[in-house]
Amino acid sequence: MLKIGDIVLVERKAESHERGWRNTWEKGMDSVVGKTGVVIRYNKLHRNVHIKVDGNIDVYGYPD
């Protein structure tokens, strides 16, 4: 289970609703594929991870 402060790698583009993720992949999310970020918020119910990449807080929630 992820927690705030964990470092994560966005390995690839995820399929919308993959593995129970309650969200869809947006084109704007493509720019962080291959980058690492720090978990700043984790929504276990929606399986969403919000991250800070390159010092910027990303507006998208990524699948856990």
PDB file of N, CA and C in Angstrom:
ATOM      1  N   MET A   1       0.843  -1.183   0.000  1.00  0.00           N
ATOM      2  CA  MET A   1       0.000   0.000   0.000  1.00  0.00           C
ATOM      3  C   MET A   1       0.887   1.245   0.000  1.00  0.00           C
ATOM      4  N   LEU A   2       0.536   2.197  -0.813  1.00  0.00           N
ATOM      5  CA  LEU A   2       1.298   3.434  -0.906  1.00  0.00           C
ATOM      6  C   LEU A   2       0.963   4.363   0.246  1.00  0.00           C
ATOM      7  N   LYS A   3       1.915   5.229   0.569  1.00  0.00           N
ATOM      8  CA  LYS A   3       1.675   6.229   1.596  1.00  0.00           C
ATOM      9  C   LYS A   3       2.318   7.553   1.174  1.00  0.00           C
ATOM     10  N   ILE A   4       1.870   8.629   1.773  1.00  0.00           N
ATOM     11  CA  ILE A   4       2.403   9.948   1.467  1.00  0.00           C
ATOM     12  C   ILE A   4       3.903   9.948   1.717  1.00  0.00           C
ATOM     13  N   GLY A   5       4.646  10.486   0.765  1.00  0.00           N
ATOM     14  CA  GLY A   5       6.093  10.547   0.848  1.00  0.00           C
ATOM     15  C   GLY A   5       6.802   9.455   0.061  1.00  0.00           C
ATOM     16  N   ASP A   6       6.065   8.402  -0.324  1.00  0.00           N
ATOM     17  CA  ASP A   6       6.662   7.346  -1.148  1.00  0.00           C
ATOM     18  C   ASP A   6       7.079   7.910  -2.501  1.00  0.00           C
ATOM     19  N   ILE A   7       8.153   7.379  -3.021  1.00  0.00           N
ATOM     20  CA  ILE A   7       8.599   7.745  -4.366  1.00  0.00           C
ATOM     21  C   ILE A   7       8.101   6.681  -5.333  1.00  0.00           C
ATOM     22  N   VAL A   8       7.445   7.130  -6.404  1.00  0.00           N
ATOM     23  CA  VAL A   8       6.860   6.206  -7.379  1.00  0.00           C
ATOM     24  C   VAL A   8       7.348   6.544  -8.787  1.00  0.00           C
ATOM     25  N   LEU A   9       7.329   5.538  -9.627  1.00  0.00           N
ATOM     26  CA  LEU A   9       7.669   5.692 -11.036  1.00  0.00           C
ATOM     27  C   LEU A   9       6.414   5.471 -11.856  1.00  0.00           C
ATOM     28  N   VAL A  10       6.108   6.408 -12.739  1.00  0.00           N
ATOM     29  CA  VAL A  10       4.998   6.223 -13.673  1.00  0.00           C
ATOM     30  C   VAL A  10       5.590   5.471 -14.854  1.00  0.00           C
ATOM     31  N   GLU A  11       5.427   4.164 -14.848  1.00  0.00           N
ATOM     32  CA  GLU A  11       6.086   3.301 -15.825  1.00  0.00           C
ATOM     33  C   GLU A  11       5.504   3.379 -17.222  1.00  0.00           C
ATOM     34  N   ARG A  12       4.182   3.519 -17.278  1.00  0.00           N
ATOM     35  CA  ARG A  12       3.515   3.428 -18.575  1.00  0.00           C
ATOM     36  C   ARG A  12       2.152   4.096 -18.497  1.00  0.00           C
ATOM     37  N   LYS A  13       1.551   4.271 -19.640  1.00  0.00           N
ATOM     38  CA  LYS A  13       0.182   4.754 -19.716  1.00  0.00           C
ATOM     39  C   LYS A  13      -0.734   3.619 -19.263  1.00  0.00           C
ATOM     40  N   ALA A  14      -1.648   3.910 -18.377  1.00  0.00           N
ATOM     41  CA  ALA A  14      -2.575   2.893 -17.885  1.00  0.00           C
ATOM     42  C   ALA A  14      -3.862   2.916 -18.703  1.00  0.00           C
ATOM     43  N   GLU A  15      -4.511   1.794 -18.774  1.00  0.00           N
ATOM     44  CA  GLU A  15      -5.839   1.738 -19.387  1.00  0.00           C
ATOM     45  C   GLU A  15      -6.833   2.383 -18.420  1.00  0.00           C
ATOM     46  N   SER A  16      -7.779   3.106 -18.942  1.00  0.00           N
ATOM     47  CA  SER A  16      -8.808   3.687 -18.096  1.00  0.00           C
ATOM     48  C   SER A  16      -9.523   2.573 -17.332  1.00  0.00           C
ATOM     49  N   HIS A  17      -9.720   2.788 -16.057  1.00  0.00           N
ATOM     50  CA  HIS A  17     -10.405   1.861 -15.147  1.00  0.00           C
ATOM     51  C   HIS A  17      -9.649   0.544 -14.931  1.00  0.00           C
ATOM     52  N   GLU A  18      -8.362   0.537 -15.243  1.00  0.00           N
ATOM     53  CA  GLU A  18      -7.532  -0.654 -15.079  1.00  0.00           C
ATOM     54  C   GLU A  18      -7.484  -1.092 -13.609  1.00  0.00           C
ATOM     55  N   ARG A  19      -7.617  -2.387 -13.365  1.00  0.00           N
ATOM     56  CA  ARG A  19      -7.499  -2.996 -12.034  1.00  0.00           C
ATOM     57  C   ARG A  19      -8.324  -2.286 -10.960  1.00  0.00           C
ATOM     58  N   GLY A  20      -9.488  -1.801 -11.316  1.00  0.00           N
ATOM     59  CA  GLY A  20     -10.356  -1.165 -10.344  1.00  0.00           C
ATOM     60  C   GLY A  20     -10.113   0.322 -10.137  1.00  0.00           C
ATOM     61  N   TRP A  21      -9.186   0.904 -10.908  1.00  0.00           N
ATOM     62  CA  TRP A  21      -8.931   2.340 -10.819  1.00  0.00           C
ATOM     63  C   TRP A  21     -10.193   3.062 -11.241  1.00  0.00           C
ATOM     64  N   ARG A  22     -10.683   3.961 -10.431  1.00  0.00           N
ATOM     65  CA  ARG A  22     -11.947   4.645 -10.721  1.00  0.00           C
ATOM     66  C   ARG A  22     -11.712   5.980 -11.430  1.00  0.00           C
ATOM     67  N   ASN A  23     -10.995   5.895 -12.541  1.00  0.00           N
ATOM     68  CA  ASN A  23     -10.709   7.107 -13.289  1.00  0.00           C
ATOM     69  C   ASN A  23     -10.320   6.741 -14.717  1.00  0.00           C
ATOM     70  N   THR A  24     -10.068   7.761 -15.527  1.00  0.00           N
ATOM     71  CA  THR A  24      -9.654   7.535 -16.908  1.00  0.00           C
ATOM     72  C   THR A  24      -8.325   8.218 -17.169  1.00  0.00           C
ATOM     73  N   TRP A  25      -7.573   7.679 -18.105  1.00  0.00           N
ATOM     74  CA  TRP A  25      -6.296   8.264 -18.483  1.00  0.00           C
ATOM     75  C   TRP A  25      -6.555   9.437 -19.408  1.00  0.00           C
ATOM     76  N   GLU A  26      -5.947  10.574 -19.110  1.00  0.00           N
ATOM     77  CA  GLU A  26      -6.094  11.777 -19.916  1.00  0.00           C
ATOM     78  C   GLU A  26      -4.790  12.039 -20.670  1.00  0.00           C
ATOM     79  N   LYS A  27      -4.892  12.654 -21.815  1.00  0.00           N
ATOM     80  CA  LYS A  27      -3.714  12.936 -22.646  1.00  0.00           C
ATOM     81  C   LYS A  27      -2.644  13.728 -21.880  1.00  0.00           C
ATOM     82  N   GLY A  28      -3.054  14.637 -21.019  1.00  0.00           N
ATOM     83  CA  GLY A  28      -2.118  15.444 -20.242  1.00  0.00           C
ATOM     84  C   GLY A  28      -1.263  14.629 -19.290  1.00  0.00           C
ATOM     85  N   MET A  29      -1.669  13.403 -19.007  1.00  0.00           N
ATOM     86  CA  MET A  29      -0.922  12.541 -18.097  1.00  0.00           C
ATOM     87  C   MET A  29       0.291  11.915 -18.778  1.00  0.00           C
ATOM     88  N   ASP A  30       0.308  11.904 -20.092  1.00  0.00           N
ATOM     89  CA  ASP A  30       1.396  11.272 -20.842  1.00  0.00           C
ATOM     90  C   ASP A  30       2.764  11.871 -20.518  1.00  0.00           C
ATOM     91  N   SER A  31       2.804  13.142 -20.153  1.00  0.00           N
ATOM     92  CA  SER A  31       4.083  13.823 -19.952  1.00  0.00           C
ATOM     93  C   SER A  31       4.874  13.309 -18.750  1.00  0.00           C
ATOM     94  N   VAL A  32       4.243  12.581 -17.849  1.00  0.00           N
ATOM     95  CA  VAL A  32       4.981  12.072 -16.685  1.00  0.00           C
ATOM     96  C   VAL A  32       5.373  10.604 -16.823  1.00  0.00           C
ATOM     97  N   VAL A  33       4.984   9.965 -17.912  1.00  0.00           N
ATOM     98  CA  VAL A  33       5.381   8.563 -18.117  1.00  0.00           C
ATOM     99  C   VAL A  33       6.907   8.498 -18.185  1.00  0.00           C
ATOM    100  N   GLY A  34       7.470   7.596 -17.397  1.00  0.00           N
ATOM    101  CA  GLY A  34       8.916   7.434 -17.327  1.00  0.00           C
ATOM    102  C   GLY A  34       9.578   8.292 -16.261  1.00  0.00           C
ATOM    103  N   LYS A  35       8.801   9.091 -15.548  1.00  0.00           N
ATOM    104  CA  LYS A  35       9.344   9.961 -14.502  1.00  0.00           C
ATOM    105  C   LYS A  35       8.978   9.440 -13.115  1.00  0.00           C
ATOM    106  N   THR A  36       9.763   9.865 -12.131  1.00  0.00           N
ATOM    107  CA  THR A  36       9.446   9.539 -10.743  1.00  0.00           C
ATOM    108  C   THR A  36       8.820  10.754 -10.083  1.00  0.00           C
ATOM    109  N   GLY A  37       8.045  10.483  -9.055  1.00  0.00           N
ATOM    110  CA  GLY A  37       7.409  11.547  -8.300  1.00  0.00           C
ATOM    111  C   GLY A  37       7.200  11.110  -6.866  1.00  0.00           C
ATOM    112  N   VAL A  38       6.812  12.050  -6.035  1.00  0.00           N
ATOM    113  CA  VAL A  38       6.550  11.795  -4.622  1.00  0.00           C
ATOM    114  C   VAL A  38       5.041  11.797  -4.404  1.00  0.00           C
ATOM    115  N   VAL A  39       4.542  10.789  -3.714  1.00  0.00           N
ATOM    116  CA  VAL A  39       3.109  10.707  -3.406  1.00  0.00           C
ATOM    117  C   VAL A  39       2.754  11.823  -2.429  1.00  0.00           C
ATOM    118  N   ILE A  40       1.788  12.662  -2.815  1.00  0.00           N
ATOM    119  CA  ILE A  40       1.336  13.729  -1.927  1.00  0.00           C
ATOM    120  C   ILE A  40      -0.076  13.474  -1.419  1.00  0.00           C
ATOM    121  N   ARG A  41      -0.797  12.588  -2.099  1.00  0.00           N
ATOM    122  CA  ARG A  41      -2.152  12.215  -1.653  1.00  0.00           C
ATOM    123  C   ARG A  41      -2.477  10.852  -2.230  1.00  0.00           C
ATOM    124  N   TYR A  42      -3.157  10.044  -1.424  1.00  0.00           N
ATOM    125  CA  TYR A  42      -3.546   8.712  -1.873  1.00  0.00           C
ATOM    126  C   TYR A  42      -4.995   8.480  -1.488  1.00  0.00           C
ATOM    127  N   ASN A  43      -5.826   8.184  -2.472  1.00  0.00           N
ATOM    128  CA  ASN A  43      -7.232   7.902  -2.237  1.00  0.00           C
ATOM    129  C   ASN A  43      -7.441   6.406  -2.453  1.00  0.00           C
ATOM    130  N   LYS A  44      -7.456   5.671  -1.364  1.00  0.00           N
ATOM    131  CA  LYS A  44      -7.555   4.209  -1.434  1.00  0.00           C
ATOM    132  C   LYS A  44      -8.858   3.767  -2.101  1.00  0.00           C
ATOM    133  N   LEU A  45      -9.970   4.440  -1.797  1.00  0.00           N
ATOM    134  CA  LEU A  45     -11.273   4.065  -2.354  1.00  0.00           C
ATOM    135  C   LEU A  45     -11.268   4.146  -3.882  1.00  0.00           C
ATOM    136  N   HIS A  46     -10.716   5.203  -4.419  1.00  0.00           N
ATOM    137  CA  HIS A  46     -10.703   5.407  -5.871  1.00  0.00           C
ATOM    138  C   HIS A  46      -9.429   4.877  -6.521  1.00  0.00           C
ATOM    139  N   ARG A  47      -8.496   4.414  -5.688  1.00  0.00           N
ATOM    140  CA  ARG A  47      -7.206   3.886  -6.150  1.00  0.00           C
ATOM    141  C   ARG A  47      -6.451   4.930  -6.963  1.00  0.00           C
ATOM    142  N   ASN A  48      -6.519   6.185  -6.496  1.00  0.00           N
ATOM    143  CA  ASN A  48      -5.875   7.330  -7.125  1.00  0.00           C
ATOM    144  C   ASN A  48      -4.654   7.759  -6.328  1.00  0.00           C
ATOM    145  N   VAL A  49      -3.558   8.026  -7.011  1.00  0.00           N
ATOM    146  CA  VAL A  49      -2.349   8.540  -6.390  1.00  0.00           C
ATOM    147  C   VAL A  49      -2.058   9.896  -7.016  1.00  0.00           C
ATOM    148  N   HIS A  50      -1.937  10.914  -6.189  1.00  0.00           N
ATOM    149  CA  HIS A  50      -1.554  12.237  -6.674  1.00  0.00           C
ATOM    150  C   HIS A  50      -0.088  12.420  -6.343  1.00  0.00           C
ATOM    151  N   ILE A  51       0.674  12.917  -7.311  1.00  0.00           N
ATOM    152  CA  ILE A  51       2.126  12.981  -7.141  1.00  0.00           C
ATOM    153  C   ILE A  51       2.683  14.360  -7.474  1.00  0.00           C
ATOM    154  N   LYS A  52       3.877  14.604  -6.940  1.00  0.00           N
ATOM    155  CA  LYS A  52       4.643  15.799  -7.273  1.00  0.00           C
ATOM    156  C   LYS A  52       5.799  15.326  -8.141  1.00  0.00           C
ATOM    157  N   VAL A  53       5.874  15.866  -9.362  1.00  0.00           N
ATOM    158  CA  VAL A  53       6.908  15.473 -10.324  1.00  0.00           C
ATOM    159  C   VAL A  53       7.693  16.723 -10.711  1.00  0.00           C
ATOM    160  N   ASP A  54       9.010  16.620 -10.676  1.00  0.00           N
ATOM    161  CA  ASP A  54       9.876  17.750 -11.037  1.00  0.00           C
ATOM    162  C   ASP A  54       9.518  19.009 -10.237  1.00  0.00           C
ATOM    163  N   GLY A  55       9.128  18.827  -8.988  1.00  0.00           N
ATOM    164  CA  GLY A  55       8.793  19.959  -8.123  1.00  0.00           C
ATOM    165  C   GLY A  55       7.404  20.524  -8.325  1.00  0.00           C
ATOM    166  N   ASN A  56       6.661  19.967  -9.278  1.00  0.00           N
ATOM    167  CA  ASN A  56       5.307  20.456  -9.576  1.00  0.00           C
ATOM    168  C   ASN A  56       4.261  19.430  -9.142  1.00  0.00           C
ATOM    169  N   ILE A  57       3.208  19.911  -8.525  1.00  0.00           N
ATOM    170  CA  ILE A  57       2.113  19.016  -8.148  1.00  0.00           C
ATOM    171  C   ILE A  57       1.271  18.751  -9.382  1.00  0.00           C
ATOM    172  N   ASP A  58       1.132  17.479  -9.724  1.00  0.00           N
ATOM    173  CA  ASP A  58       0.357  17.102 -10.896  1.00  0.00           C
ATOM    174  C   ASP A  58      -1.132  17.139 -10.557  1.00  0.00           C
ATOM    175  N   VAL A  59      -1.938  17.643 -11.458  1.00  0.00           N
ATOM    176  CA  VAL A  59      -3.371  17.784 -11.205  1.00  0.00           C
ATOM    177  C   VAL A  59      -4.122  16.459 -11.383  1.00  0.00           C
ATOM    178  N   TYR A  60      -3.466  15.457 -11.920  1.00  0.00           N
ATOM    179  CA  TYR A  60      -4.124  14.187 -12.205  1.00  0.00           C
ATOM    180  C   TYR A  60      -3.907  13.183 -11.085  1.00  0.00           C
ATOM    181  N   GLY A  61      -4.848  12.260 -10.975  1.00  0.00           N
ATOM    182  CA  GLY A  61      -4.701  11.130 -10.079  1.00  0.00           C
ATOM    183  C   GLY A  61      -4.332   9.909 -10.919  1.00  0.00           C
ATOM    184  N   TYR A  62      -3.255   9.256 -10.557  1.00  0.00           N
ATOM    185  CA  TYR A  62      -2.757   8.087 -11.292  1.00  0.00           C
ATOM    186  C   TYR A  62      -3.175   6.813 -10.585  1.00  0.00           C
ATOM    187  N   PRO A  63      -3.315   5.718 -11.322  1.00  0.00           N
ATOM    188  CA  PRO A  63      -3.711   4.461 -10.682  1.00  0.00           C
ATOM    189  C   PRO A  63      -2.611   3.951  -9.761  1.00  0.00           C
ATOM    190  N   ASP A  64      -3.023   3.343  -8.655  1.00  0.00           N
ATOM    191  CA  ASP A  64      -2.039   2.766  -7.746  1.00  0.00           C
ATOM    192  C   ASP A  64      -1.590   1.451  -8.284  1.00  0.00           C
TER     193      ASP A  64
END
